């Protein structure tokens, strides 16, 4: 983290891992899971180049698991925010949404609604629709922008890309970082 800071690189850290995260097929929330998330918070919160934490990533990935898994993810966001309130600086907690049209707006509305103590501080969009020589309109980025234009919290691109055509052309990178920088605003 110190080497990244020296290079001017800031991170948003996902609190879940391959062994400690909510299982969307059979969601549970245990003290062991919460303790695992707290341990990751403790490991990273001390660094000045930490921008925030992702409380859950793609817990909702199809219409069938919206009501089943989302409450567990929101409870973890709430509890991590409460835990972070004891730290000496504000560290935002967000959610990273799957690129699934049927649940995208539902997920945004659910994770941003209600008491600010439980709602996310930022919302991440995992976008896999810009493939090859695409454009703002053809890729659907214009539609995604329209969906969040009235957001009262920052919305960022948390993952992006496309596997086809191969080799990958990375044409979206220039657009995202040069022409679309408002997705990457500072949110403190």
C-alpha atoms as a PDB file:
ATOM      1  CA  UNK A   1       0.000   0.000   0.000  1.00  0.00           C
ATOM      2  CA  UNK A   2       2.848   2.390   0.763  1.00  0.00           C
ATOM      3  CA  UNK A   3       4.417   1.776  -2.662  1.00  0.00           C
ATOM      4  CA  UNK A   4       1.050   2.404  -4.301  1.00  0.00           C
ATOM      5  CA  UNK A   5       0.637   5.598  -2.287  1.00  0.00           C
ATOM      6  CA  UNK A   6       4.099   6.776  -3.330  1.00  0.00           C
ATOM      7  CA  UNK A   7       3.025   6.260  -6.947  1.00  0.00           C
ATOM      8  CA  UNK A   8      -0.183   8.258  -6.382  1.00  0.00           C
ATOM      9  CA  UNK A   9      -2.439   5.198  -6.625  1.00  0.00           C
ATOM     10  CA  UNK A  10      -5.576   5.028  -4.491  1.00  0.00           C
ATOM     11  CA  UNK A  11      -7.663   1.916  -3.856  1.00  0.00           C
ATOM     12  CA  UNK A  12     -11.189   0.834  -3.152  1.00  0.00           C
ATOM     13  CA  UNK A  13     -10.903  -2.529  -1.394  1.00  0.00           C
ATOM     14  CA  UNK A  14     -13.462  -5.334  -1.675  1.00  0.00           C
ATOM     15  CA  UNK A  15     -14.166  -6.698   1.802  1.00  0.00           C
ATOM     16  CA  UNK A  16     -15.320 -10.089   0.587  1.00  0.00           C
ATOM     17  CA  UNK A  17     -12.956 -12.877  -0.366  1.00  0.00           C
ATOM     18  CA  UNK A  18     -13.135 -16.340  -1.881  1.00  0.00           C
ATOM     19  CA  UNK A  19     -13.554 -17.846   1.567  1.00  0.00           C
ATOM     20  CA  UNK A  20     -15.471 -15.103   3.387  1.00  0.00           C
ATOM     21  CA  UNK A  21     -18.395 -13.523   1.587  1.00  0.00           C
ATOM     22  CA  UNK A  22     -22.129 -13.879   1.263  1.00  0.00           C
ATOM     23  CA  UNK A  23     -23.142 -16.922  -0.764  1.00  0.00           C
ATOM     24  CA  UNK A  24     -25.918 -15.571  -2.993  1.00  0.00           C
ATOM     25  CA  UNK A  25     -27.386 -19.064  -3.470  1.00  0.00           C
ATOM     26  CA  UNK A  26     -27.656 -19.735   0.267  1.00  0.00           C
ATOM     27  CA  UNK A  27     -27.102 -16.425   2.067  1.00  0.00           C
ATOM     28  CA  UNK A  28     -26.162 -16.266   5.715  1.00  0.00           C
ATOM     29  CA  UNK A  29     -24.602 -13.629   7.923  1.00  0.00           C
ATOM     30  CA  UNK A  30     -22.485 -14.935  10.763  1.00  0.00           C
ATOM     31  CA  UNK A  31     -20.205 -13.384  13.366  1.00  0.00           C
ATOM     32  CA  UNK A  32     -17.292 -15.142  11.624  1.00  0.00           C
ATOM     33  CA  UNK A  33     -18.136 -13.399   8.353  1.00  0.00           C
ATOM     34  CA  UNK A  34     -18.433 -10.029  10.086  1.00  0.00           C
ATOM     35  CA  UNK A  35     -15.129 -10.607  11.892  1.00  0.00           C
ATOM     36  CA  UNK A  36     -13.453 -11.442   8.576  1.00  0.00           C
ATOM     37  CA  UNK A  37     -14.723  -8.161   7.098  1.00  0.00           C
ATOM     38  CA  UNK A  38     -13.563  -6.255  10.199  1.00  0.00           C
ATOM     39  CA  UNK A  39     -10.102  -7.803   9.899  1.00  0.00           C
ATOM     40  CA  UNK A  40      -9.835  -6.576   6.315  1.00  0.00           C
ATOM     41  CA  UNK A  41     -11.022  -3.106   7.417  1.00  0.00           C
ATOM     42  CA  UNK A  42      -8.373  -3.072  10.154  1.00  0.00           C
ATOM     43  CA  UNK A  43      -5.676  -4.110   7.681  1.00  0.00           C
ATOM     44  CA  UNK A  44      -6.440  -1.345   5.151  1.00  0.00           C
ATOM     45  CA  UNK A  45      -8.079   1.566   7.011  1.00  0.00           C
ATOM     46  CA  UNK A  46      -4.746   2.891   8.269  1.00  0.00           C
ATOM     47  CA  UNK A  47      -3.549   3.794   4.771  1.00  0.00           C
ATOM     48  CA  UNK A  48      -4.098   7.300   3.428  1.00  0.00           C
ATOM     49  CA  UNK A  49      -4.545   6.015  -0.127  1.00  0.00           C
ATOM     50  CA  UNK A  50      -7.625   3.967   0.773  1.00  0.00           C
ATOM     51  CA  UNK A  51     -10.668   5.604  -0.853  1.00  0.00           C
ATOM     52  CA  UNK A  52     -13.280   3.192   0.459  1.00  0.00           C
ATOM     53  CA  UNK A  53     -14.548  -0.344   0.810  1.00  0.00           C
ATOM     54  CA  UNK A  54     -16.875  -2.463  -1.312  1.00  0.00           C
ATOM     55  CA  UNK A  55     -19.195  -4.094   1.227  1.00  0.00           C
ATOM     56  CA  UNK A  56     -20.496  -6.618  -1.295  1.00  0.00           C
ATOM     57  CA  UNK A  57     -19.826  -7.361  -4.938  1.00  0.00           C
ATOM     58  CA  UNK A  58     -22.451  -8.825  -7.275  1.00  0.00           C
ATOM     59  CA  UNK A  59     -24.558 -10.389  -4.532  1.00  0.00           C
ATOM     60  CA  UNK A  60     -27.548  -9.734  -6.784  1.00  0.00           C
ATOM     61  CA  UNK A  61     -26.802 -11.293 -10.157  1.00  0.00           C
ATOM     62  CA  UNK A  62     -30.260 -12.366 -11.321  1.00  0.00           C
ATOM     63  CA  UNK A  63     -33.866 -11.508 -10.579  1.00  0.00           C
ATOM     64  CA  UNK A  64     -34.300 -14.663  -8.487  1.00  0.00           C
ATOM     65  CA  UNK A  65     -31.852 -13.680  -5.755  1.00  0.00           C
ATOM     66  CA  UNK A  66     -32.763 -10.024  -5.198  1.00  0.00           C
ATOM     67  CA  UNK A  67     -34.906 -10.572  -2.126  1.00  0.00           C
ATOM     68  CA  UNK A  68     -32.944 -13.600  -0.937  1.00  0.00           C
ATOM     69  CA  UNK A  69     -29.392 -12.206  -0.717  1.00  0.00           C
ATOM     70  CA  UNK A  70     -29.649  -8.404  -0.802  1.00  0.00           C
ATOM     71  CA  UNK A  71     -30.758  -7.962   2.850  1.00  0.00           C
ATOM     72  CA  UNK A  72     -27.640  -9.795   4.028  1.00  0.00           C
ATOM     73  CA  UNK A  73     -25.393  -7.592   1.924  1.00  0.00           C
ATOM     74  CA  UNK A  74     -27.103  -4.422   3.149  1.00  0.00           C
ATOM     75  CA  UNK A  75     -26.799  -5.592   6.772  1.00  0.00           C
ATOM     76  CA  UNK A  76     -23.059  -6.080   6.275  1.00  0.00           C
ATOM     77  CA  UNK A  77     -22.766  -2.588   4.768  1.00  0.00           C
ATOM     78  CA  UNK A  78     -24.657  -1.171   7.762  1.00  0.00           C
ATOM     79  CA  UNK A  79     -22.505  -2.997  10.296  1.00  0.00           C
ATOM     80  CA  UNK A  80     -19.211  -2.106   8.605  1.00  0.00           C
ATOM     81  CA  UNK A  81     -20.288   1.557   8.468  1.00  0.00           C
ATOM     82  CA  UNK A  82     -21.072   1.399  12.191  1.00  0.00           C
ATOM     83  CA  UNK A  83     -17.689  -0.225  12.865  1.00  0.00           C
ATOM     84  CA  UNK A  84     -15.945   2.458  10.779  1.00  0.00           C
ATOM     85  CA  UNK A  85     -17.637   5.231  12.768  1.00  0.00           C
ATOM     86  CA  UNK A  86     -15.047   4.561  15.467  1.00  0.00           C
ATOM     87  CA  UNK A  87     -12.157   5.404  13.112  1.00  0.00           C
ATOM     88  CA  UNK A  88     -10.507   8.816  12.918  1.00  0.00           C
ATOM     89  CA  UNK A  89     -11.623   9.521   9.334  1.00  0.00           C
ATOM     90  CA  UNK A  90     -14.676   8.906   7.175  1.00  0.00           C
ATOM     91  CA  UNK A  91     -14.211   5.868   4.948  1.00  0.00           C
ATOM     92  CA  UNK A  92     -17.114   5.263   2.561  1.00  0.00           C
ATOM     93  CA  UNK A  93     -18.663   1.853   1.979  1.00  0.00           C
ATOM     94  CA  UNK A  94     -20.326   0.895  -1.295  1.00  0.00           C
ATOM     95  CA  UNK A  95     -21.794  -1.916  -3.321  1.00  0.00           C
ATOM     96  CA  UNK A  96     -20.621  -3.188  -6.734  1.00  0.00           C
ATOM     97  CA  UNK A  97     -23.532  -4.253  -8.963  1.00  0.00           C
ATOM     98  CA  UNK A  98     -23.527  -7.035 -11.522  1.00  0.00           C
ATOM     99  CA  UNK A  99     -24.002  -6.026 -15.146  1.00  0.00           C
ATOM    100  CA  UNK A 100     -27.471  -7.573 -15.354  1.00  0.00           C
ATOM    101  CA  UNK A 101     -30.173  -5.394 -16.901  1.00  0.00           C
ATOM    102  CA  UNK A 102     -33.088  -7.055 -15.057  1.00  0.00           C
ATOM    103  CA  UNK A 103     -31.745  -6.151 -11.605  1.00  0.00           C
ATOM    104  CA  UNK A 104     -29.483  -3.125 -12.127  1.00  0.00           C
ATOM    105  CA  UNK A 105     -31.970  -0.394 -11.177  1.00  0.00           C
ATOM    106  CA  UNK A 106     -33.515  -2.528  -8.417  1.00  0.00           C
ATOM    107  CA  UNK A 107     -30.094  -3.022  -6.828  1.00  0.00           C
ATOM    108  CA  UNK A 108     -29.309   0.688  -7.048  1.00  0.00           C
ATOM    109  CA  UNK A 109     -32.627   1.639  -5.465  1.00  0.00           C
ATOM    110  CA  UNK A 110     -32.312  -0.945  -2.699  1.00  0.00           C
ATOM    111  CA  UNK A 111     -28.741  -0.172  -1.649  1.00  0.00           C
ATOM    112  CA  UNK A 112     -29.250   3.611  -1.731  1.00  0.00           C
ATOM    113  CA  UNK A 113     -32.607   3.769   0.053  1.00  0.00           C
ATOM    114  CA  UNK A 114     -33.417   4.307   3.694  1.00  0.00           C
ATOM    115  CA  UNK A 115     -31.408   5.587   6.606  1.00  0.00           C
ATOM    116  CA  UNK A 116     -27.941   6.812   5.634  1.00  0.00           C
ATOM    117  CA  UNK A 117     -26.468   4.598   8.364  1.00  0.00           C
ATOM    118  CA  UNK A 118     -27.484   1.547   6.316  1.00  0.00           C
ATOM    119  CA  UNK A 119     -27.434   2.914   2.752  1.00  0.00           C
ATOM    120  CA  UNK A 120     -24.263   2.746   0.672  1.00  0.00           C
ATOM    121  CA  UNK A 121     -22.046   5.822   0.386  1.00  0.00           C
ATOM    122  CA  UNK A 122     -21.321   5.083  -3.280  1.00  0.00           C
ATOM    123  CA  UNK A 123     -22.574   2.639  -5.872  1.00  0.00           C
ATOM    124  CA  UNK A 124     -20.346   0.716  -8.262  1.00  0.00           C
ATOM    125  CA  UNK A 125     -21.383  -0.450 -11.700  1.00  0.00           C
ATOM    126  CA  UNK A 126     -19.630  -3.509 -13.151  1.00  0.00           C
ATOM    127  CA  UNK A 127     -20.019  -2.829 -16.883  1.00  0.00           C
ATOM    128  CA  UNK A 128     -19.148  -5.445 -19.486  1.00  0.00           C
ATOM    129  CA  UNK A 129     -20.953  -3.997 -22.474  1.00  0.00           C
ATOM    130  CA  UNK A 130     -18.266  -1.972 -24.305  1.00  0.00           C
ATOM    131  CA  UNK A 131     -16.837  -4.521 -26.716  1.00  0.00           C
ATOM    132  CA  UNK A 132     -14.270  -3.726 -29.403  1.00  0.00           C
ATOM    133  CA  UNK A 133     -14.893  -0.590 -31.450  1.00  0.00           C
ATOM    134  CA  UNK A 134     -18.014   0.456 -29.592  1.00  0.00           C
ATOM    135  CA  UNK A 135     -19.274   3.853 -28.497  1.00  0.00           C
ATOM    136  CA  UNK A 136     -20.970   5.638 -25.612  1.00  0.00           C
ATOM    137  CA  UNK A 137     -24.378   4.906 -27.134  1.00  0.00           C
ATOM    138  CA  UNK A 138     -23.853   1.455 -28.671  1.00  0.00           C
ATOM    139  CA  UNK A 139     -22.247   0.082 -25.497  1.00  0.00           C
ATOM    140  CA  UNK A 140     -25.173   1.149 -23.338  1.00  0.00           C
ATOM    141  CA  UNK A 141     -23.040   3.556 -21.296  1.00  0.00           C
ATOM    142  CA  UNK A 142     -25.479   6.327 -22.270  1.00  0.00           C
ATOM    143  CA  UNK A 143     -28.350   4.262 -20.819  1.00  0.00           C
ATOM    144  CA  UNK A 144     -26.389   3.568 -17.621  1.00  0.00           C
ATOM    145  CA  UNK A 145     -25.688   7.292 -17.280  1.00  0.00           C
ATOM    146  CA  UNK A 146     -29.371   8.057 -17.733  1.00  0.00           C
ATOM    147  CA  UNK A 147     -30.315   5.552 -15.022  1.00  0.00           C
ATOM    148  CA  UNK A 148     -28.173   7.292 -12.402  1.00  0.00           C
ATOM    149  CA  UNK A 149     -28.405  10.924 -13.501  1.00  0.00           C
ATOM    150  CA  UNK A 150     -30.420  11.896 -10.392  1.00  0.00           C
ATOM    151  CA  UNK A 151     -28.297   9.954  -7.919  1.00  0.00           C
ATOM    152  CA  UNK A 152     -27.550  11.680  -4.643  1.00  0.00           C
ATOM    153  CA  UNK A 153     -24.405   9.586  -4.143  1.00  0.00           C
ATOM    154  CA  UNK A 154     -21.381   8.957  -6.375  1.00  0.00           C
ATOM    155  CA  UNK A 155     -21.715   6.182  -8.947  1.00  0.00           C
ATOM    156  CA  UNK A 156     -18.451   4.719 -10.222  1.00  0.00           C
ATOM    157  CA  UNK A 157     -17.378   2.060 -12.682  1.00  0.00           C
ATOM    158  CA  UNK A 158     -15.967  -0.722 -10.511  1.00  0.00           C
ATOM    159  CA  UNK A 159     -15.278  -3.284 -13.252  1.00  0.00           C
ATOM    160  CA  UNK A 160     -15.303  -3.021 -17.033  1.00  0.00           C
ATOM    161  CA  UNK A 161     -14.223  -4.837 -20.134  1.00  0.00           C
ATOM    162  CA  UNK A 162     -15.224  -7.407 -22.663  1.00  0.00           C
ATOM    163  CA  UNK A 163     -13.633 -10.709 -23.721  1.00  0.00           C
ATOM    164  CA  UNK A 164     -14.722 -10.488 -27.352  1.00  0.00           C
ATOM    165  CA  UNK A 165     -13.398  -9.554 -29.819  1.00  0.00           C
ATOM    166  CA  UNK A 166     -10.061 -11.084 -29.051  1.00  0.00           C
ATOM    167  CA  UNK A 167      -7.511  -9.730 -28.663  1.00  0.00           C
ATOM    168  CA  UNK A 168      -9.189  -7.089 -26.546  1.00  0.00           C
ATOM    169  CA  UNK A 169      -8.893  -3.587 -28.006  1.00  0.00           C
ATOM    170  CA  UNK A 170      -9.414  -1.604 -24.755  1.00  0.00           C
ATOM    171  CA  UNK A 171     -11.200   1.190 -26.650  1.00  0.00           C
ATOM    172  CA  UNK A 172     -13.342   1.896 -23.573  1.00  0.00           C
ATOM    173  CA  UNK A 173     -10.323   2.839 -21.444  1.00  0.00           C
ATOM    174  CA  UNK A 174      -9.634   6.131 -23.200  1.00  0.00           C
ATOM    175  CA  UNK A 175     -13.299   7.042 -23.114  1.00  0.00           C
ATOM    176  CA  UNK A 176     -13.724   6.208 -19.415  1.00  0.00           C
ATOM    177  CA  UNK A 177     -10.669   8.060 -18.196  1.00  0.00           C
ATOM    178  CA  UNK A 178     -10.596  10.984 -20.647  1.00  0.00           C
ATOM    179  CA  UNK A 179     -14.174  11.629 -21.767  1.00  0.00           C
ATOM    180  CA  UNK A 180     -16.177  10.229 -18.868  1.00  0.00           C
ATOM    181  CA  UNK A 181     -14.289  11.288 -15.724  1.00  0.00           C
ATOM    182  CA  UNK A 182     -17.342  12.179 -13.654  1.00  0.00           C
ATOM    183  CA  UNK A 183     -17.783   8.466 -12.930  1.00  0.00           C
ATOM    184  CA  UNK A 184     -14.545   8.689 -10.967  1.00  0.00           C
ATOM    185  CA  UNK A 185     -15.266  11.679  -8.738  1.00  0.00           C
ATOM    186  CA  UNK A 186     -13.911  12.022  -5.238  1.00  0.00           C
ATOM    187  CA  UNK A 187     -16.681  11.242  -2.808  1.00  0.00           C
ATOM    188  CA  UNK A 188     -15.541  12.410   0.614  1.00  0.00           C
END
